[in-house]
Amino acid sequence: MKESTTHRALVLTALLLAMFMSAIEVTIVATAMPSISAELGGFQLYSWVFSSYLLVQAVTIPMFGKLSDLVGRKPVFIGGVVVFLAGSILCGFAGSMGMLVALRFLQGLGAGAVQPVITTLAADLYALEERGRVQGYISGLWGASSIAGPLAGGVIVNTIGWPWIFWINVPFGIAAIVLIVLYLHEGVEPEARRIDWAGAMLLLAGVGSLMLGLTQAGAWGVRAVLPLFAAFAVALALFVWQERRAPDPLMHLELWGDHLIRYANVATLTSGIMMIGLITFLPTYVQGVLGGSALLAGFALSAMTLGWPLAAFHAGRRIIQIGVPRLVRAGGACLLAGSLVVAMLAPYGALPAGIGSFIIGIGMGLVNSTSLVAIQSSVPWRQRGVATASNMLMRILGNALGAALFGGVLNYGMARHLERRGLQDRVSLDRIQDLMGEAAPRAARLPAEVLALLRVGLAESLHVVFWGIAVLGFVTLLAVWRIPPLRRPEQAGS
């Protein structure tokens, strides 16, 4: 990196703009989805709006990270932002839920290029003694954008309309590109590394098959999706075989032999499933069952993203004094306690749901932040990048699988409810959108008794989702309980 010609402060500003843009896109969509579904229909594809965005990121983040070593950070960053903005603009013009899902794939492709380059460029630009401060800026902005997302989504939906939750990215992306073009000058010394395309395609095929099977089991029937689960098993076996033989694999499986990395990654995976389950379906509950507005749903959900950075900041300051095991166990306990509050008290209003969401946020901050720092500190310098990538991959995979899993649970529960009530030939799953506050005029077209039955079915199905999140909270607690105390590597340069 030619620091004499690179304006570090302005390049860092570009990185922060890109981080804000990509981070806010997950949570800002959550509170807008009931309104989007009410207009576009396609409720069966509801969870795929989240899953498609996350699935592509899970596969492409390690690929683009390696590509930036080959061709430089600048072209990968610019290309990623351009693709992300193109996807964002087109998402706002989507005329159906299927089209929106397809365009979210495009958005996810751009985000998969941008996110790894942000942290890598920060490390390139700043010396070791400055990196902690700079990474703190990036992490802090991620937390702030996550907090702003649900509230911003609610305000935008209630004022100028849901397409603007995508179009709002455009000025941030253009500003980031201009700053990078003008003020980042790098001398690329590419490494002779190969991208594990076979591993990436197997991971995409396997996880995609699993997600499709989970989401469509209720609509197609369990027997119809068994071939998808079989395809997942085959792809997973081939992926493990490929990663063991690839000279530069997508996932370094040998790291999983370390107890700390193994259980920290498992906890990251399961907590990621919990997080996306809450982000995806708590707004649906507040609007569809409790009859609240998109703005109220945003407030309930923002409680989680408020607790998260507060806990993460505390964990970062006290990790040495308190120790890794105590911090992650406290986080696991908060995840379980918060999910139980949501499962048991959500029917009593948005406030109890928000309290449970806040407690879950504290658990997320303690578990995820402490696990990442522990993983990075437990390996020598030469393995730190791949160890960090493994944790990032587990988080995003958890998000992608969670959206598919709980989307499938909701679809299955609603399909069975309509069948039990004898409504399967009169009311489709798409009519759930008529329960949302913004769809009140259309809701009036349904008979009152049918509307009431739909609301009961949605409440029952979402209760199953919330109890599923609680079960995963218990699994996460078991995983973090197995994380051993941190032992720093003995190798020099660690």
Protein backbone atom coordinates (compact mmCIF):
# COMPACT_ATOMS: atom_id res chain seq x y z
CA MET A 1 0.00 0.00 0.00
CA LYS A 2 1.47 3.37 -1.02
CA GLU A 3 0.70 5.40 2.07
CA SER A 4 2.38 8.52 0.57
CA THR A 5 -0.34 8.83 -2.06
CA THR A 6 -3.27 7.31 -0.18
CA HIS A 7 -5.42 9.60 1.98
CA ARG A 8 -6.14 7.25 4.86
CA ALA A 9 -8.84 9.32 6.55
CA LEU A 10 -10.91 9.66 3.39
CA VAL A 11 -10.43 6.00 2.46
CA LEU A 12 -11.57 5.04 5.97
CA THR A 13 -14.61 7.26 5.45
CA ALA A 14 -15.39 5.29 2.28
CA LEU A 15 -15.07 2.02 4.20
CA LEU A 16 -17.41 3.27 6.91
CA LEU A 17 -19.98 4.36 4.31
CA ALA A 18 -19.83 0.92 2.69
CA MET A 19 -20.12 -0.82 6.06
CA PHE A 20 -23.18 1.25 6.95
CA MET A 21 -24.75 0.51 3.58
CA SER A 22 -24.29 -3.28 3.74
CA ALA A 23 -25.02 -3.65 7.48
CA ILE A 24 -28.28 -1.69 7.52
CA GLU A 25 -29.66 -3.71 4.61
CA VAL A 26 -30.50 -6.77 6.76
CA THR A 27 -32.38 -5.04 9.56
CA ILE A 28 -34.03 -2.27 7.53
CA VAL A 29 -35.77 -4.89 5.38
CA ALA A 30 -37.18 -6.73 8.41
CA THR A 31 -39.76 -4.13 9.43
CA ALA A 32 -40.66 -3.40 5.80
CA MET A 33 -41.31 -7.02 4.81
CA PRO A 34 -44.93 -7.20 6.01
CA SER A 35 -45.73 -4.16 3.84
CA ILE A 36 -43.78 -5.56 0.89
CA SER A 37 -45.61 -8.87 1.19
CA ALA A 38 -48.93 -7.05 1.40
CA GLU A 39 -48.23 -5.36 -1.94
CA LEU A 40 -46.36 -8.04 -3.87
CA GLY A 41 -47.96 -11.22 -2.50
CA GLY A 42 -45.90 -14.43 -2.52
CA PHE A 43 -45.92 -14.97 1.26
CA GLN A 44 -44.39 -18.45 0.74
CA LEU A 45 -41.22 -16.67 -0.44
CA TYR A 46 -41.17 -14.29 2.54
CA SER A 47 -38.10 -15.82 4.21
CA TRP A 48 -36.25 -16.10 0.89
CA VAL A 49 -35.92 -12.32 0.75
CA PHE A 50 -33.51 -12.76 3.69
CA SER A 51 -32.10 -16.16 2.75
CA SER A 52 -31.11 -15.26 -0.81
CA TYR A 53 -29.16 -12.20 0.35
CA LEU A 54 -27.34 -14.16 3.05
CA LEU A 55 -26.73 -17.35 1.08
CA VAL A 56 -24.78 -15.59 -1.66
CA GLN A 57 -22.72 -13.74 0.94
CA ALA A 58 -21.84 -16.98 2.73
CA VAL A 59 -20.37 -18.45 -0.44
CA THR A 60 -18.76 -15.36 -1.94
CA ILE A 61 -17.11 -13.66 1.07
CA PRO A 62 -14.14 -16.07 1.19
CA MET A 63 -13.94 -16.06 -2.62
CA PHE A 64 -13.77 -12.30 -2.94
CA GLY A 65 -11.37 -12.09 -0.02
CA LYS A 66 -8.94 -14.25 -1.94
CA LEU A 67 -9.66 -12.45 -5.21
CA SER A 68 -8.63 -9.17 -3.58
CA ASP A 69 -5.21 -10.74 -2.95
CA LEU A 70 -4.89 -11.52 -6.64
CA VAL A 71 -6.08 -8.29 -8.28
CA GLY A 72 -6.05 -5.77 -5.43
CA ARG A 73 -8.59 -4.39 -2.98
CA LYS A 74 -9.64 -1.40 -5.07
CA PRO A 75 -11.21 -3.16 -8.09
CA VAL A 76 -12.96 -5.75 -5.91
CA PHE A 77 -14.38 -3.03 -3.64
CA ILE A 78 -15.57 -0.83 -6.52
CA GLY A 79 -17.04 -3.78 -8.40
CA GLY A 80 -18.81 -5.00 -5.28
CA VAL A 81 -20.37 -1.60 -4.55
CA VAL A 82 -21.51 -1.22 -8.18
CA VAL A 83 -23.19 -4.64 -8.13
CA PHE A 84 -24.75 -3.91 -4.73
CA LEU A 85 -26.16 -0.59 -5.93
CA ALA A 86 -27.50 -2.15 -9.12
CA GLY A 87 -29.30 -4.77 -7.04
CA SER A 88 -30.61 -2.12 -4.64
CA ILE A 89 -32.06 0.05 -7.41
CA LEU A 90 -33.71 -2.91 -9.12
CA CYS A 91 -35.13 -4.25 -5.83
CA GLY A 92 -37.15 -1.05 -5.49
CA PHE A 93 -38.81 -1.75 -8.86
CA ALA A 94 -39.62 -5.42 -8.13
CA GLY A 95 -43.11 -6.33 -9.25
CA SER A 96 -43.38 -9.69 -7.50
CA MET A 97 -41.88 -11.49 -4.54
CA GLY A 98 -40.07 -13.89 -6.87
CA MET A 99 -38.42 -10.99 -8.67
CA LEU A 100 -37.43 -9.41 -5.36
CA VAL A 101 -35.80 -12.67 -4.22
CA ALA A 102 -33.81 -12.88 -7.47
CA LEU A 103 -32.63 -9.29 -7.14
CA ARG A 104 -31.63 -9.88 -3.52
CA PHE A 105 -29.22 -12.52 -4.87
CA LEU A 106 -27.61 -9.71 -6.85
CA GLN A 107 -27.45 -7.50 -3.78
CA GLY A 108 -25.87 -10.30 -1.77
CA LEU A 109 -23.24 -10.84 -4.46
CA GLY A 110 -22.16 -7.22 -4.12
CA ALA A 111 -22.18 -7.35 -0.32
CA GLY A 112 -20.06 -10.52 -0.46
CA ALA A 113 -17.38 -8.56 -2.31
CA VAL A 114 -17.54 -5.43 -0.16
CA GLN A 115 -17.54 -6.85 3.38
CA PRO A 116 -14.22 -8.78 3.41
CA VAL A 117 -12.41 -5.93 1.64
CA ILE A 118 -13.52 -3.43 4.30
CA THR A 119 -11.72 -5.23 7.14
CA THR A 120 -8.76 -6.18 4.94
CA LEU A 121 -8.22 -2.61 3.73
CA ALA A 122 -8.40 -1.34 7.30
CA ALA A 123 -5.59 -3.76 8.19
CA ASP A 124 -3.59 -2.73 5.10
CA LEU A 125 -3.83 0.98 5.84
CA TYR A 126 -3.12 1.04 9.57
CA ALA A 127 -0.24 -0.31 11.61
CA LEU A 128 -0.84 -2.88 14.32
CA GLU A 129 -0.99 -0.31 17.13
CA GLU A 130 -3.76 1.60 15.29
CA ARG A 131 -5.88 -1.30 14.07
CA GLY A 132 -7.78 -1.81 17.32
CA ARG A 133 -9.05 1.76 17.23
CA VAL A 134 -9.98 1.59 13.55
CA GLN A 135 -11.72 -1.77 13.87
CA GLY A 136 -13.59 -0.25 16.81
CA TYR A 137 -14.90 2.46 14.50
CA ILE A 138 -16.06 -0.16 12.01
CA SER A 139 -17.69 -2.35 14.69
CA GLY A 140 -19.33 0.67 16.31
CA LEU A 141 -20.80 1.82 13.02
CA TRP A 142 -22.10 -1.70 12.38
CA GLY A 143 -23.93 -1.56 15.70
CA ALA A 144 -25.27 1.93 15.02
CA SER A 145 -26.54 0.96 11.57
CA SER A 146 -28.18 -2.16 12.99
CA ILE A 147 -29.97 -0.02 15.57
CA ALA A 148 -31.02 2.49 12.92
CA GLY A 149 -32.22 -0.19 10.50
CA PRO A 150 -35.50 -1.32 12.08
CA LEU A 151 -36.51 2.22 13.02
CA ALA A 152 -35.54 3.60 9.62
CA GLY A 153 -37.48 0.83 7.92
CA GLY A 154 -40.59 1.62 9.91
CA VAL A 155 -40.35 5.36 9.24
CA ILE A 156 -39.70 4.89 5.50
CA VAL A 157 -42.61 2.47 5.07
CA ASN A 158 -44.97 4.81 6.90
CA THR A 159 -43.90 7.89 4.90
CA ILE A 160 -42.38 7.52 1.42
CA GLY A 161 -42.89 3.81 0.73
CA TRP A 162 -40.95 0.55 0.94
CA PRO A 163 -38.90 0.91 -2.31
CA TRP A 164 -36.86 3.60 -0.58
CA ILE A 165 -35.42 1.10 1.90
CA PHE A 166 -33.37 -0.09 -1.10
CA TRP A 167 -32.85 3.22 -2.89
CA ILE A 168 -31.47 4.85 0.27
CA ASN A 169 -28.22 2.94 -0.38
CA VAL A 170 -27.44 4.85 -3.59
CA PRO A 171 -25.90 8.07 -2.19
CA PHE A 172 -23.78 6.13 0.32
CA GLY A 173 -22.49 3.78 -2.37
CA ILE A 174 -21.68 6.55 -4.86
CA ALA A 175 -19.82 8.54 -2.20
CA ALA A 176 -17.80 5.44 -1.21
CA ILE A 177 -16.82 4.76 -4.84
CA VAL A 178 -15.75 8.38 -5.45
CA LEU A 179 -13.57 8.43 -2.33
CA ILE A 180 -11.92 5.10 -3.18
CA VAL A 181 -11.28 6.10 -6.82
CA LEU A 182 -9.72 9.44 -5.87
CA TYR A 183 -7.84 8.65 -2.68
CA LEU A 184 -6.86 4.95 -2.63
CA HIS A 185 -3.67 4.15 -4.54
CA GLU A 186 -2.31 0.67 -4.09
CA GLY A 187 0.66 -1.14 -5.47
CA VAL A 188 -0.59 -4.69 -5.93
CA GLU A 189 1.80 -7.56 -5.32
CA PRO A 190 -0.51 -10.49 -6.00
CA GLU A 191 0.00 -13.83 -4.33
CA ALA A 192 -0.06 -17.06 -6.30
CA ARG A 193 -3.35 -18.34 -4.86
CA ARG A 194 -6.19 -20.16 -6.49
CA ILE A 195 -9.86 -19.71 -5.74
CA ASP A 196 -11.60 -22.89 -4.67
CA TRP A 197 -14.42 -22.67 -7.22
CA ALA A 198 -15.38 -26.33 -6.77
CA GLY A 199 -15.76 -25.89 -3.02
CA ALA A 200 -17.82 -22.73 -3.50
CA MET A 201 -20.20 -24.41 -5.95
CA LEU A 202 -20.63 -27.45 -3.69
CA LEU A 203 -21.35 -25.21 -0.71
CA LEU A 204 -23.87 -23.22 -2.75
CA ALA A 205 -25.56 -26.39 -4.03
CA GLY A 206 -25.67 -28.03 -0.61
CA VAL A 207 -26.90 -25.10 1.45
CA GLY A 208 -29.29 -24.02 -1.32
CA SER A 209 -30.85 -27.51 -1.43
CA LEU A 210 -31.22 -27.58 2.35
CA MET A 211 -32.82 -24.14 2.44
CA LEU A 212 -35.23 -24.93 -0.37
CA GLY A 213 -36.23 -28.16 1.33
CA LEU A 214 -36.82 -26.44 4.66
CA THR A 215 -38.91 -23.61 3.24
CA GLN A 216 -41.02 -25.71 0.88
CA ALA A 217 -41.71 -28.76 3.06
CA GLY A 218 -45.07 -27.35 4.12
CA ALA A 219 -46.20 -26.46 0.61
CA TRP A 220 -44.86 -29.48 -1.28
CA GLY A 221 -45.03 -32.15 1.43
CA VAL A 222 -42.18 -33.88 3.24
CA ARG A 223 -41.83 -36.65 0.64
CA ALA A 224 -41.46 -34.17 -2.18
CA VAL A 225 -38.50 -32.43 -0.50
CA LEU A 226 -36.63 -35.60 0.54
CA PRO A 227 -34.54 -35.49 -2.69
CA LEU A 228 -33.45 -31.98 -1.72
CA PHE A 229 -32.25 -33.21 1.66
CA ALA A 230 -30.45 -36.08 -0.07
CA ALA A 231 -28.81 -33.58 -2.43
CA PHE A 232 -27.67 -31.59 0.60
CA ALA A 233 -26.08 -34.70 2.18
CA VAL A 234 -24.26 -35.60 -1.03
CA ALA A 235 -23.06 -32.04 -1.60
CA LEU A 236 -21.87 -31.80 2.01
CA ALA A 237 -19.86 -35.03 1.71
CA LEU A 238 -18.32 -33.85 -1.56
CA PHE A 239 -17.56 -30.45 -0.02
CA VAL A 240 -15.65 -32.04 2.88
CA TRP A 241 -13.74 -34.23 0.39
CA GLN A 242 -12.94 -31.20 -1.77
CA GLU A 243 -11.76 -29.07 1.16
CA ARG A 244 -9.39 -31.80 2.31
CA ARG A 245 -7.73 -32.06 -1.08
CA ALA A 246 -7.84 -28.44 -2.31
CA PRO A 247 -4.47 -26.62 -2.16
CA ASP A 248 -6.19 -23.41 -0.99
CA PRO A 249 -9.58 -24.51 0.38
CA LEU A 250 -12.62 -22.35 1.00
CA MET A 251 -12.84 -23.68 4.58
CA HIS A 252 -9.79 -24.90 6.51
CA LEU A 253 -11.24 -27.98 8.23
CA GLU A 254 -8.15 -28.60 10.37
CA LEU A 255 -9.05 -25.58 12.50
CA TRP A 256 -12.14 -27.41 13.70
CA GLY A 257 -9.91 -29.79 15.66
CA ASP A 258 -9.34 -27.01 18.19
CA HIS A 259 -11.99 -27.18 20.94
CA LEU A 260 -12.25 -23.42 21.32
CA ILE A 261 -12.71 -22.79 17.59
CA ARG A 262 -15.11 -25.72 17.17
CA TYR A 263 -17.54 -24.76 19.95
CA ALA A 264 -17.22 -21.02 19.34
CA ASN A 265 -18.16 -21.58 15.70
CA VAL A 266 -21.05 -23.87 16.65
CA ALA A 267 -22.34 -21.18 19.04
CA THR A 268 -21.94 -18.56 16.30
CA LEU A 269 -23.92 -20.76 13.90
CA THR A 270 -26.82 -21.44 16.28
CA SER A 271 -26.98 -17.85 17.56
CA GLY A 272 -27.01 -16.71 13.93
CA ILE A 273 -30.06 -18.89 13.31
CA MET A 274 -31.73 -17.35 16.38
CA MET A 275 -30.90 -13.81 15.32
CA ILE A 276 -32.39 -14.03 11.85
CA GLY A 277 -35.45 -15.84 13.20
CA LEU A 278 -36.18 -12.91 15.48
CA ILE A 279 -35.34 -10.26 12.87
CA THR A 280 -37.50 -11.96 10.25
CA PHE A 281 -40.61 -12.81 12.25
CA LEU A 282 -40.91 -10.50 15.26
CA PRO A 283 -42.13 -7.65 12.98
CA THR A 284 -44.63 -10.06 11.42
CA TYR A 285 -45.96 -10.91 14.89
CA VAL A 286 -46.20 -7.28 16.01
CA GLN A 287 -48.03 -6.24 12.83
CA GLY A 288 -49.97 -9.37 11.88
CA VAL A 289 -51.00 -10.65 15.33
CA LEU A 290 -50.84 -7.64 17.65
CA GLY A 291 -52.04 -5.21 14.97
CA GLY A 292 -49.17 -2.78 15.47
CA SER A 293 -47.63 -0.49 12.87
CA ALA A 294 -44.35 -0.97 11.03
CA LEU A 295 -42.86 1.73 13.25
CA LEU A 296 -43.88 -0.13 16.43
CA ALA A 297 -42.39 -3.31 14.99
CA GLY A 298 -39.19 -1.36 14.36
CA PHE A 299 -39.02 -0.25 17.98
CA ALA A 300 -39.54 -3.81 19.25
CA LEU A 301 -36.81 -5.17 16.99
CA SER A 302 -34.36 -2.32 17.58
CA ALA A 303 -34.18 -3.36 21.23
CA MET A 304 -32.05 -6.34 20.19
CA THR A 305 -29.70 -4.25 18.12
CA LEU A 306 -29.38 -1.81 21.02
CA GLY A 307 -28.36 -4.49 23.52
CA TRP A 308 -25.87 -6.07 21.11
CA PRO A 309 -23.26 -3.24 20.77
CA LEU A 310 -23.54 -2.36 24.46
CA ALA A 311 -22.66 -5.93 25.44
CA ALA A 312 -19.99 -6.23 22.75
CA PHE A 313 -18.27 -3.05 23.98
CA HIS A 314 -18.30 -4.36 27.56
CA ALA A 315 -16.96 -7.76 26.50
CA GLY A 316 -14.12 -6.19 24.52
CA ARG A 317 -13.00 -4.15 27.54
CA ARG A 318 -13.33 -6.90 30.15
CA ILE A 319 -12.37 -10.07 28.29
CA ILE A 320 -8.97 -10.33 30.01
CA GLN A 321 -10.26 -9.65 33.53
CA ILE A 322 -13.42 -11.77 33.34
CA GLY A 323 -12.19 -14.49 30.97
CA VAL A 324 -13.68 -16.04 27.87
CA PRO A 325 -15.68 -18.89 29.52
CA ARG A 326 -17.56 -16.62 31.95
CA LEU A 327 -18.41 -14.06 29.27
CA VAL A 328 -19.73 -16.55 26.72
CA ARG A 329 -21.67 -18.47 29.38
CA ALA A 330 -23.32 -15.25 30.54
CA GLY A 331 -24.13 -14.54 26.89
CA GLY A 332 -25.58 -18.00 26.37
CA ALA A 333 -27.75 -17.61 29.46
CA CYS A 334 -29.05 -14.26 28.14
CA LEU A 335 -29.86 -15.82 24.78
CA LEU A 336 -31.92 -18.54 26.42
CA ALA A 337 -33.61 -16.16 28.90
CA GLY A 338 -34.48 -13.60 26.24
CA SER A 339 -35.89 -16.18 23.87
CA LEU A 340 -38.06 -17.59 26.67
CA VAL A 341 -39.38 -14.09 27.39
CA VAL A 342 -40.34 -13.65 23.72
CA ALA A 343 -41.94 -17.11 23.50
CA MET A 344 -43.99 -16.71 26.68
CA LEU A 345 -44.78 -12.99 26.87
CA ALA A 346 -45.02 -11.80 23.24
CA PRO A 347 -48.83 -12.36 23.23
CA TYR A 348 -49.11 -9.67 25.91
CA GLY A 349 -47.83 -6.86 23.69
CA ALA A 350 -44.90 -5.32 21.88
CA LEU A 351 -43.24 -4.13 25.11
CA PRO A 352 -42.57 -7.64 26.54
CA ALA A 353 -41.41 -8.72 23.07
CA GLY A 354 -39.04 -5.75 23.01
CA ILE A 355 -37.68 -6.64 26.47
CA GLY A 356 -36.98 -10.20 25.35
CA SER A 357 -35.40 -8.84 22.18
CA PHE A 358 -33.11 -6.59 24.26
CA ILE A 359 -31.96 -9.51 26.44
CA ILE A 360 -31.25 -11.57 23.31
CA GLY A 361 -29.21 -8.64 21.97
CA ILE A 362 -27.06 -8.66 25.11
CA GLY A 363 -26.49 -12.38 24.65
CA MET A 364 -25.57 -11.89 21.00
CA GLY A 365 -23.03 -9.22 21.87
CA LEU A 366 -21.38 -11.31 24.57
CA VAL A 367 -21.30 -14.58 22.61
CA ASN A 368 -20.37 -13.34 19.15
CA SER A 369 -17.83 -10.68 20.08
CA THR A 370 -16.09 -12.80 22.70
CA SER A 371 -16.01 -15.83 20.41
CA LEU A 372 -14.44 -13.86 17.57
CA VAL A 373 -11.75 -12.30 19.76
CA ALA A 374 -11.02 -15.68 21.36
CA ILE A 375 -10.68 -17.39 17.97
CA GLN A 376 -8.36 -14.68 16.64
CA SER A 377 -6.22 -14.80 19.79
CA SER A 378 -5.95 -18.60 19.92
CA VAL A 379 -4.17 -19.06 16.57
CA PRO A 380 -0.81 -17.82 15.24
CA TRP A 381 -0.70 -14.84 12.90
CA ARG A 382 -0.48 -16.95 9.75
CA GLN A 383 -3.82 -18.64 10.57
CA ARG A 384 -5.70 -15.60 11.86
CA GLY A 385 -7.28 -14.74 8.53
CA VAL A 386 -8.71 -18.17 7.81
CA ALA A 387 -9.79 -18.62 11.43
CA THR A 388 -11.68 -15.31 11.31
CA ALA A 389 -13.20 -16.28 7.96
CA SER A 390 -14.49 -19.55 9.42
CA ASN A 391 -16.33 -17.65 12.14
CA MET A 392 -17.76 -15.13 9.66
CA LEU A 393 -18.92 -17.98 7.44
CA MET A 394 -20.71 -19.69 10.36
CA ARG A 395 -22.51 -16.46 11.28
CA ILE A 396 -23.78 -15.86 7.76
CA LEU A 397 -24.65 -19.53 7.22
CA GLY A 398 -26.63 -19.42 10.46
CA ASN A 399 -28.53 -16.37 9.23
CA ALA A 400 -29.27 -18.02 5.88
CA LEU A 401 -30.36 -21.33 7.40
CA GLY A 402 -32.43 -19.61 10.07
CA ALA A 403 -34.48 -17.68 7.55
CA ALA A 404 -35.14 -20.88 5.62
CA LEU A 405 -35.81 -23.05 8.68
CA PHE A 406 -38.26 -20.74 10.41
CA GLY A 407 -39.84 -19.74 7.11
CA GLY A 408 -40.55 -23.42 6.54
CA VAL A 409 -41.97 -23.82 10.05
CA LEU A 410 -44.29 -20.86 9.51
CA ASN A 411 -45.46 -22.02 6.08
CA TYR A 412 -46.06 -25.56 7.36
CA GLY A 413 -47.97 -24.36 10.43
CA MET A 414 -50.21 -22.05 8.40
CA ALA A 415 -50.90 -24.70 5.74
CA ARG A 416 -51.96 -27.20 8.43
CA HIS A 417 -54.09 -24.57 10.18
CA LEU A 418 -55.97 -23.73 6.97
CA GLU A 419 -56.49 -27.45 6.32
CA ARG A 420 -57.85 -28.09 9.82
CA ARG A 421 -60.27 -25.18 9.47
CA GLY A 422 -61.39 -26.27 6.02
CA LEU A 423 -60.10 -23.06 4.43
CA GLN A 424 -57.43 -24.49 2.17
CA ASP A 425 -59.62 -24.09 -0.91
CA ARG A 426 -60.86 -20.61 0.02
CA VAL A 427 -57.81 -18.83 1.45
CA SER A 428 -54.20 -19.03 0.26
CA LEU A 429 -51.13 -18.32 2.35
CA ASP A 430 -50.80 -15.03 0.51
CA ARG A 431 -53.86 -13.72 2.39
CA ILE A 432 -51.72 -13.54 5.55
CA GLN A 433 -50.56 -10.22 4.13
CA ASP A 434 -54.09 -8.90 4.73
CA LEU A 435 -53.43 -9.03 8.47
CA MET A 436 -50.74 -6.35 8.25
CA GLY A 437 -51.67 -2.84 9.31
CA GLU A 438 -50.97 -1.26 5.93
CA ALA A 439 -53.28 -3.76 4.21
CA ALA A 440 -56.38 -2.84 6.20
CA PRO A 441 -58.49 -1.87 3.14
CA ARG A 442 -57.89 -5.27 1.57
CA ALA A 443 -58.47 -7.02 4.89
CA ALA A 444 -61.99 -5.61 4.95
CA ARG A 445 -62.80 -7.70 1.87
CA LEU A 446 -62.37 -10.90 3.90
CA PRO A 447 -65.21 -12.08 6.11
CA ALA A 448 -64.53 -11.21 9.74
CA GLU A 449 -64.52 -14.85 10.83
CA VAL A 450 -61.98 -15.80 8.15
CA LEU A 451 -59.76 -12.88 9.14
CA ALA A 452 -59.95 -13.99 12.78
CA LEU A 453 -59.02 -17.56 11.86
CA LEU A 454 -56.06 -16.32 9.84
CA ARG A 455 -54.85 -14.27 12.79
CA VAL A 456 -55.18 -17.27 15.12
CA GLY A 457 -53.23 -19.46 12.70
CA LEU A 458 -50.48 -16.88 12.32
CA ALA A 459 -50.22 -16.49 16.09
CA GLU A 460 -50.00 -20.25 16.63
CA SER A 461 -47.42 -20.72 13.88
CA LEU A 462 -45.25 -17.86 15.11
CA HIS A 463 -45.40 -19.23 18.66
CA VAL A 464 -43.84 -22.41 17.29
CA VAL A 465 -41.15 -20.28 15.63
CA PHE A 466 -40.44 -18.46 18.89
CA TRP A 467 -40.21 -21.71 20.86
CA GLY A 468 -37.85 -23.01 18.17
CA ILE A 469 -35.66 -19.96 18.81
CA ALA A 470 -35.75 -20.81 22.52
CA VAL A 471 -34.61 -24.38 21.81
CA LEU A 472 -31.69 -23.00 19.84
CA GLY A 473 -30.93 -20.73 22.79
CA PHE A 474 -30.52 -23.85 24.93
CA VAL A 475 -28.29 -25.47 22.27
CA THR A 476 -26.15 -22.32 22.15
CA LEU A 477 -25.80 -22.38 25.93
CA LEU A 478 -24.60 -26.00 25.76
CA ALA A 479 -22.07 -25.08 23.07
CA VAL A 480 -20.58 -22.08 24.90
CA TRP A 481 -20.34 -24.12 28.09
CA ARG A 482 -17.78 -26.31 26.27
CA ILE A 483 -15.56 -23.37 25.24
CA PRO A 484 -12.28 -23.70 27.21
CA PRO A 485 -10.23 -20.84 28.67
CA LEU A 486 -8.18 -18.90 26.15
CA ARG A 487 -4.63 -20.16 25.66
CA ARG A 488 -2.58 -17.89 23.45
CA PRO A 489 -0.45 -19.67 20.80
CA GLU A 490 3.19 -20.11 21.56
CA GLN A 491 4.36 -19.26 18.03
CA ALA A 492 6.15 -15.99 17.57
CA GLY A 493 4.24 -13.25 15.86
CA SER A 494 0.92 -14.38 17.24
